[in-house]
Amino acid sequence: GGNTYFADSVKGRFTTSRDNAKNTI
């Protein structure tokens, strides 16, 4: 979860995260 990468079309509008304890992104 330490780094992320986005398509230009969604940059600034979308974020992504993960919770490895819950096995969920």
PDB file of all heavy atoms in Angstrom:
ATOM      1  N   GLY A   1       0.813  -1.217   0.000  1.00  0.00           N
ATOM      2  CA  GLY A   1       0.000   0.000   0.000  1.00  0.00           C
ATOM      3  C   GLY A   1       0.838   1.255   0.000  1.00  0.00           C
ATOM      4  O   GLY A   1       0.299   2.356   0.045  1.00  0.00           O
ATOM      5  N   GLY A   2       2.144   1.093  -0.087  1.00  0.00           N
ATOM      6  CA  GLY A   2       3.038   2.230   0.046  1.00  0.00           C
ATOM      7  C   GLY A   2       3.123   3.130  -1.162  1.00  0.00           C
ATOM      8  O   GLY A   2       3.537   4.290  -1.041  1.00  0.00           O
ATOM      9  N   ASN A   3       2.795   2.613  -2.324  1.00  0.00           N
ATOM     10  CA  ASN A   3       2.748   3.518  -3.468  1.00  0.00           C
ATOM     11  C   ASN A   3       1.641   3.123  -4.422  1.00  0.00           C
ATOM     12  O   ASN A   3       1.195   1.971  -4.442  1.00  0.00           O
ATOM     13  CB  ASN A   3       4.105   3.642  -4.164  1.00  0.00           C
ATOM     14  CG  ASN A   3       4.444   2.489  -5.059  1.00  0.00           C
ATOM     15  OD1 ASN A   3       4.576   1.353  -4.622  1.00  0.00           O
ATOM     16  ND2 ASN A   3       4.600   2.796  -6.338  1.00  0.00           N
ATOM     17  N   THR A   4       1.201   4.120  -5.170  1.00  0.00           N
ATOM     18  CA  THR A   4       0.079   3.956  -6.084  1.00  0.00           C
ATOM     19  C   THR A   4       0.408   4.587  -7.432  1.00  0.00           C
ATOM     20  O   THR A   4       1.348   5.385  -7.552  1.00  0.00           O
ATOM     21  CB  THR A   4      -1.191   4.620  -5.529  1.00  0.00           C
ATOM     22  OG1 THR A   4      -0.909   5.997  -5.229  1.00  0.00           O
ATOM     23  CG2 THR A   4      -1.686   3.923  -4.271  1.00  0.00           C
ATOM     24  N   TYR A   5      -0.365   4.218  -8.413  1.00  0.00           N
ATOM     25  CA  TYR A   5      -0.172   4.742  -9.772  1.00  0.00           C
ATOM     26  C   TYR A   5      -1.538   4.831 -10.424  1.00  0.00           C
ATOM     27  O   TYR A   5      -2.357   3.919 -10.264  1.00  0.00           O
ATOM     28  CB  TYR A   5       0.738   3.802 -10.568  1.00  0.00           C
ATOM     29  CG  TYR A   5       1.139   4.325 -11.920  1.00  0.00           C
ATOM     30  CD1 TYR A   5       2.198   5.227 -12.056  1.00  0.00           C
ATOM     31  CD2 TYR A   5       0.478   3.919 -13.063  1.00  0.00           C
ATOM     32  CE1 TYR A   5       2.567   5.710 -13.289  1.00  0.00           C
ATOM     33  CE2 TYR A   5       0.846   4.395 -14.312  1.00  0.00           C
ATOM     34  CZ  TYR A   5       1.890   5.285 -14.413  1.00  0.00           C
ATOM     35  OH  TYR A   5       2.259   5.770 -15.648  1.00  0.00           O
ATOM     36  N   PHE A   6      -1.805   5.941 -11.115  1.00  0.00           N
ATOM     37  CA  PHE A   6      -3.132   6.183 -11.675  1.00  0.00           C
ATOM     38  C   PHE A   6      -3.061   6.526 -13.146  1.00  0.00           C
ATOM     39  O   PHE A   6      -2.092   7.128 -13.624  1.00  0.00           O
ATOM     40  CB  PHE A   6      -3.817   7.342 -10.934  1.00  0.00           C
ATOM     41  CG  PHE A   6      -4.104   7.041  -9.502  1.00  0.00           C
ATOM     42  CD1 PHE A   6      -3.191   7.351  -8.512  1.00  0.00           C
ATOM     43  CD2 PHE A   6      -5.302   6.428  -9.134  1.00  0.00           C
ATOM     44  CE1 PHE A   6      -3.452   7.061  -7.188  1.00  0.00           C
ATOM     45  CE2 PHE A   6      -5.569   6.136  -7.808  1.00  0.00           C
ATOM     46  CZ  PHE A   6      -4.641   6.445  -6.830  1.00  0.00           C
ATOM     47  N   ALA A   7      -4.128   6.181 -13.846  1.00  0.00           N
ATOM     48  CA  ALA A   7      -4.285   6.651 -15.218  1.00  0.00           C
ATOM     49  C   ALA A   7      -4.520   8.151 -15.204  1.00  0.00           C
ATOM     50  O   ALA A   7      -5.136   8.684 -14.268  1.00  0.00           O
ATOM     51  CB  ALA A   7      -5.462   5.940 -15.877  1.00  0.00           C
ATOM     52  N   ASP A   8      -4.065   8.824 -16.230  1.00  0.00           N
ATOM     53  CA  ASP A   8      -4.229  10.278 -16.295  1.00  0.00           C
ATOM     54  C   ASP A   8      -5.704  10.683 -16.226  1.00  0.00           C
ATOM     55  O   ASP A   8      -6.042  11.733 -15.669  1.00  0.00           O
ATOM     56  CB  ASP A   8      -3.607  10.819 -17.578  1.00  0.00           C
ATOM     57  CG  ASP A   8      -2.091  10.780 -17.545  1.00  0.00           C
ATOM     58  OD1 ASP A   8      -1.518  10.661 -16.436  1.00  0.00           O
ATOM     59  OD2 ASP A   8      -1.475  10.874 -18.622  1.00  0.00           O
ATOM     60  N   SER A   9      -6.561   9.849 -16.767  1.00  0.00           N
ATOM     61  CA  SER A   9      -7.981  10.192 -16.844  1.00  0.00           C
ATOM     62  C   SER A   9      -8.663  10.244 -15.480  1.00  0.00           C
ATOM     63  O   SER A   9      -9.734  10.847 -15.346  1.00  0.00           O
ATOM     64  CB  SER A   9      -8.715   9.185 -17.730  1.00  0.00           C
ATOM     65  OG  SER A   9      -8.560   7.869 -17.222  1.00  0.00           O
ATOM     66  N   VAL A  10      -8.070   9.637 -14.472  1.00  0.00           N
ATOM     67  CA  VAL A  10      -8.687   9.616 -13.140  1.00  0.00           C
ATOM     68  C   VAL A  10      -7.819  10.285 -12.084  1.00  0.00           C
ATOM     69  O   VAL A  10      -8.260  10.445 -10.931  1.00  0.00           O
ATOM     70  CB  VAL A  10      -9.020   8.179 -12.691  1.00  0.00           C
ATOM     71  CG1 VAL A  10      -9.877   7.476 -13.729  1.00  0.00           C
ATOM     72  CG2 VAL A  10      -7.754   7.382 -12.398  1.00  0.00           C
ATOM     73  N   LYS A  11      -6.629  10.682 -12.457  1.00  0.00           N
ATOM     74  CA  LYS A  11      -5.703  11.284 -11.495  1.00  0.00           C
ATOM     75  C   LYS A  11      -6.334  12.530 -10.878  1.00  0.00           C
ATOM     76  O   LYS A  11      -6.885  13.371 -11.581  1.00  0.00           O
ATOM     77  CB  LYS A  11      -4.398  11.629 -12.195  1.00  0.00           C
ATOM     78  CG  LYS A  11      -3.196  11.764 -11.295  1.00  0.00           C
ATOM     79  CD  LYS A  11      -1.923  11.917 -12.119  1.00  0.00           C
ATOM     80  CE  LYS A  11      -1.602  10.666 -12.896  1.00  0.00           C
ATOM     81  NZ  LYS A  11      -0.341  10.780 -13.662  1.00  0.00           N
ATOM     82  N   GLY A  12      -6.265  12.623  -9.552  1.00  0.00           N
ATOM     83  CA  GLY A  12      -6.853  13.749  -8.846  1.00  0.00           C
ATOM     84  C   GLY A  12      -8.298  13.537  -8.457  1.00  0.00           C
ATOM     85  O   GLY A  12      -8.836  14.290  -7.634  1.00  0.00           O
ATOM     86  N   ARG A  13      -8.952  12.548  -9.037  1.00  0.00           N
ATOM     87  CA  ARG A  13     -10.353  12.254  -8.705  1.00  0.00           C
ATOM     88  C   ARG A  13     -10.506  10.918  -7.978  1.00  0.00           C
ATOM     89  O   ARG A  13     -11.382  10.777  -7.121  1.00  0.00           O
ATOM     90  CB  ARG A  13     -11.215  12.220  -9.971  1.00  0.00           C
ATOM     91  CG  ARG A  13     -11.232  13.526 -10.747  1.00  0.00           C
ATOM     92  CD  ARG A  13     -12.263  13.484 -11.875  1.00  0.00           C
ATOM     93  NE  ARG A  13     -11.959  12.460 -12.874  1.00  0.00           N
ATOM     94  CZ  ARG A  13     -12.790  11.477 -13.190  1.00  0.00           C
ATOM     95  NH1 ARG A  13     -13.968  11.365 -12.599  1.00  0.00           N
ATOM     96  NH2 ARG A  13     -12.449  10.599 -14.132  1.00  0.00           N
ATOM     97  N   PHE A  14      -9.684   9.948  -8.324  1.00  0.00           N
ATOM     98  CA  PHE A  14      -9.756   8.611  -7.738  1.00  0.00           C
ATOM     99  C   PHE A  14      -8.562   8.385  -6.822  1.00  0.00           C
ATOM    100  O   PHE A  14      -7.456   8.871  -7.074  1.00  0.00           O
ATOM    101  CB  PHE A  14      -9.726   7.539  -8.821  1.00  0.00           C
ATOM    102  CG  PHE A  14     -10.940   7.459  -9.708  1.00  0.00           C
ATOM    103  CD1 PHE A  14     -11.926   8.442  -9.708  1.00  0.00           C
ATOM    104  CD2 PHE A  14     -11.108   6.380 -10.556  1.00  0.00           C
ATOM    105  CE1 PHE A  14     -13.037   8.359 -10.525  1.00  0.00           C
ATOM    106  CE2 PHE A  14     -12.213   6.269 -11.385  1.00  0.00           C
ATOM    107  CZ  PHE A  14     -13.178   7.266 -11.373  1.00  0.00           C
ATOM    108  N   THR A  15      -8.808   7.630  -5.764  1.00  0.00           N
ATOM    109  CA  THR A  15      -7.723   7.149  -4.920  1.00  0.00           C
ATOM    110  C   THR A  15      -7.932   5.659  -4.686  1.00  0.00           C
ATOM    111  O   THR A  15      -9.057   5.148  -4.808  1.00  0.00           O
ATOM    112  CB  THR A  15      -7.668   7.877  -3.570  1.00  0.00           C
ATOM    113  OG1 THR A  15      -8.901   7.659  -2.878  1.00  0.00           O
ATOM    114  CG2 THR A  15      -7.432   9.371  -3.756  1.00  0.00           C
ATOM    115  N   THR A  16      -6.869   4.973  -4.350  1.00  0.00           N
ATOM    116  CA  THR A  16      -6.977   3.562  -4.032  1.00  0.00           C
ATOM    117  C   THR A  16      -6.204   3.270  -2.762  1.00  0.00           C
ATOM    118  O   THR A  16      -5.182   3.926  -2.484  1.00  0.00           O
ATOM    119  CB  THR A  16      -6.506   2.677  -5.210  1.00  0.00           C
ATOM    120  OG1 THR A  16      -6.816   1.313  -4.925  1.00  0.00           O
ATOM    121  CG2 THR A  16      -5.019   2.826  -5.462  1.00  0.00           C
ATOM    122  N   SER A  17      -6.695   2.329  -1.996  1.00  0.00           N
ATOM    123  CA  SER A  17      -6.063   1.963  -0.737  1.00  0.00           C
ATOM    124  C   SER A  17      -6.305   0.488  -0.492  1.00  0.00           C
ATOM    125  O   SER A  17      -7.092  -0.145  -1.188  1.00  0.00           O
ATOM    126  CB  SER A  17      -6.614   2.808   0.411  1.00  0.00           C
ATOM    127  OG  SER A  17      -8.013   2.604   0.544  1.00  0.00           O
ATOM    128  N   ARG A  18      -5.637  -0.041   0.487  1.00  0.00           N
ATOM    129  CA  ARG A  18      -5.819  -1.457   0.819  1.00  0.00           C
ATOM    130  C   ARG A  18      -5.730  -1.640   2.320  1.00  0.00           C
ATOM    131  O   ARG A  18      -5.016  -0.905   3.014  1.00  0.00           O
ATOM    132  CB  ARG A  18      -4.808  -2.344   0.096  1.00  0.00           C
ATOM    133  CG  ARG A  18      -3.372  -2.170   0.493  1.00  0.00           C
ATOM    134  CD  ARG A  18      -2.444  -2.928  -0.465  1.00  0.00           C
ATOM    135  NE  ARG A  18      -2.633  -4.365  -0.401  1.00  0.00           N
ATOM    136  CZ  ARG A  18      -2.201  -5.216  -1.327  1.00  0.00           C
ATOM    137  NH1 ARG A  18      -1.580  -4.771  -2.412  1.00  0.00           N
ATOM    138  NH2 ARG A  18      -2.393  -6.515  -1.191  1.00  0.00           N
ATOM    139  N   ASP A  19      -6.450  -2.636   2.771  1.00  0.00           N
ATOM    140  CA  ASP A  19      -6.409  -3.044   4.171  1.00  0.00           C
ATOM    141  C   ASP A  19      -6.037  -4.516   4.170  1.00  0.00           C
ATOM    142  O   ASP A  19      -6.896  -5.378   3.957  1.00  0.00           O
ATOM    143  CB  ASP A  19      -7.771  -2.802   4.836  1.00  0.00           C
ATOM    144  CG  ASP A  19      -7.755  -3.099   6.310  1.00  0.00           C
ATOM    145  OD1 ASP A  19      -6.860  -3.839   6.772  1.00  0.00           O
ATOM    146  OD2 ASP A  19      -8.648  -2.611   7.012  1.00  0.00           O
ATOM    147  N   ASN A  20      -4.767  -4.792   4.377  1.00  0.00           N
ATOM    148  CA  ASN A  20      -4.313  -6.184   4.289  1.00  0.00           C
ATOM    149  C   ASN A  20      -4.875  -7.045   5.414  1.00  0.00           C
ATOM    150  O   ASN A  20      -4.978  -8.263   5.274  1.00  0.00           O
ATOM    151  CB  ASN A  20      -2.789  -6.245   4.264  1.00  0.00           C
ATOM    152  CG  ASN A  20      -2.221  -5.827   2.911  1.00  0.00           C
ATOM    153  OD1 ASN A  20      -2.965  -5.670   1.937  1.00  0.00           O
ATOM    154  ND2 ASN A  20      -0.920  -5.623   2.841  1.00  0.00           N
ATOM    155  N   ALA A  21      -5.243  -6.436   6.504  1.00  0.00           N
ATOM    156  CA  ALA A  21      -5.856  -7.204   7.592  1.00  0.00           C
ATOM    157  C   ALA A  21      -7.232  -7.700   7.188  1.00  0.00           C
ATOM    158  O   ALA A  21      -7.691  -8.738   7.688  1.00  0.00           O
ATOM    159  CB  ALA A  21      -5.952  -6.348   8.842  1.00  0.00           C
ATOM    160  N   LYS A  22      -7.885  -6.974   6.291  1.00  0.00           N
ATOM    161  CA  LYS A  22      -9.222  -7.358   5.827  1.00  0.00           C
ATOM    162  C   LYS A  22      -9.187  -7.977   4.433  1.00  0.00           C
ATOM    163  O   LYS A  22     -10.247  -8.279   3.876  1.00  0.00           O
ATOM    164  CB  LYS A  22     -10.145  -6.131   5.816  1.00  0.00           C
ATOM    165  CG  LYS A  22     -10.417  -5.564   7.188  1.00  0.00           C
ATOM    166  CD  LYS A  22     -11.386  -4.390   7.103  1.00  0.00           C
ATOM    167  CE  LYS A  22     -11.700  -3.847   8.483  1.00  0.00           C
ATOM    168  NZ  LYS A  22     -12.642  -2.697   8.424  1.00  0.00           N
ATOM    169  N   ASN A  23      -7.989  -8.106   3.875  1.00  0.00           N
ATOM    170  CA  ASN A  23      -7.858  -8.666   2.521  1.00  0.00           C
ATOM    171  C   ASN A  23      -8.730  -7.920   1.516  1.00  0.00           C
ATOM    172  O   ASN A  23      -9.372  -8.533   0.653  1.00  0.00           O
ATOM    173  CB  ASN A  23      -8.213 -10.153   2.500  1.00  0.00           C
ATOM    174  CG  ASN A  23      -7.117 -11.016   3.075  1.00  0.00           C
ATOM    175  OD1 ASN A  23      -6.142 -10.508   3.636  1.00  0.00           O
ATOM    176  ND2 ASN A  23      -7.257 -12.319   2.941  1.00  0.00           N
ATOM    177  N   THR A  24      -8.718  -6.617   1.616  1.00  0.00           N
ATOM    178  CA  THR A  24      -9.608  -5.808   0.784  1.00  0.00           C
ATOM    179  C   THR A  24      -8.874  -4.594   0.252  1.00  0.00           C
ATOM    180  O   THR A  24      -8.063  -3.980   0.960  1.00  0.00           O
ATOM    181  CB  THR A  24     -10.839  -5.348   1.578  1.00  0.00           C
ATOM    182  OG1 THR A  24     -11.533  -6.500   2.070  1.00  0.00           O
ATOM    183  CG2 THR A  24     -11.792  -4.548   0.707  1.00  0.00           C
ATOM    184  N   ILE A  25      -9.162  -4.260  -1.003  1.00  0.00           N
ATOM    185  CA  ILE A  25      -8.696  -2.999  -1.546  1.00  0.00           C
ATOM    186  C   ILE A  25      -9.915  -2.159  -1.916  1.00  0.00           C
ATOM    187  O   ILE A  25     -11.019  -2.685  -2.096  1.00  0.00           O
ATOM    188  CB  ILE A  25      -7.766  -3.159  -2.764  1.00  0.00           C
ATOM    189  CG1 ILE A  25      -8.513  -3.737  -3.972  1.00  0.00           C
ATOM    190  CG2 ILE A  25      -6.561  -4.002  -2.434  1.00  0.00           C
ATOM    191  CD1 ILE A  25      -7.747  -3.572  -5.262  1.00  0.00           C
TER     192      ILE A  25
END
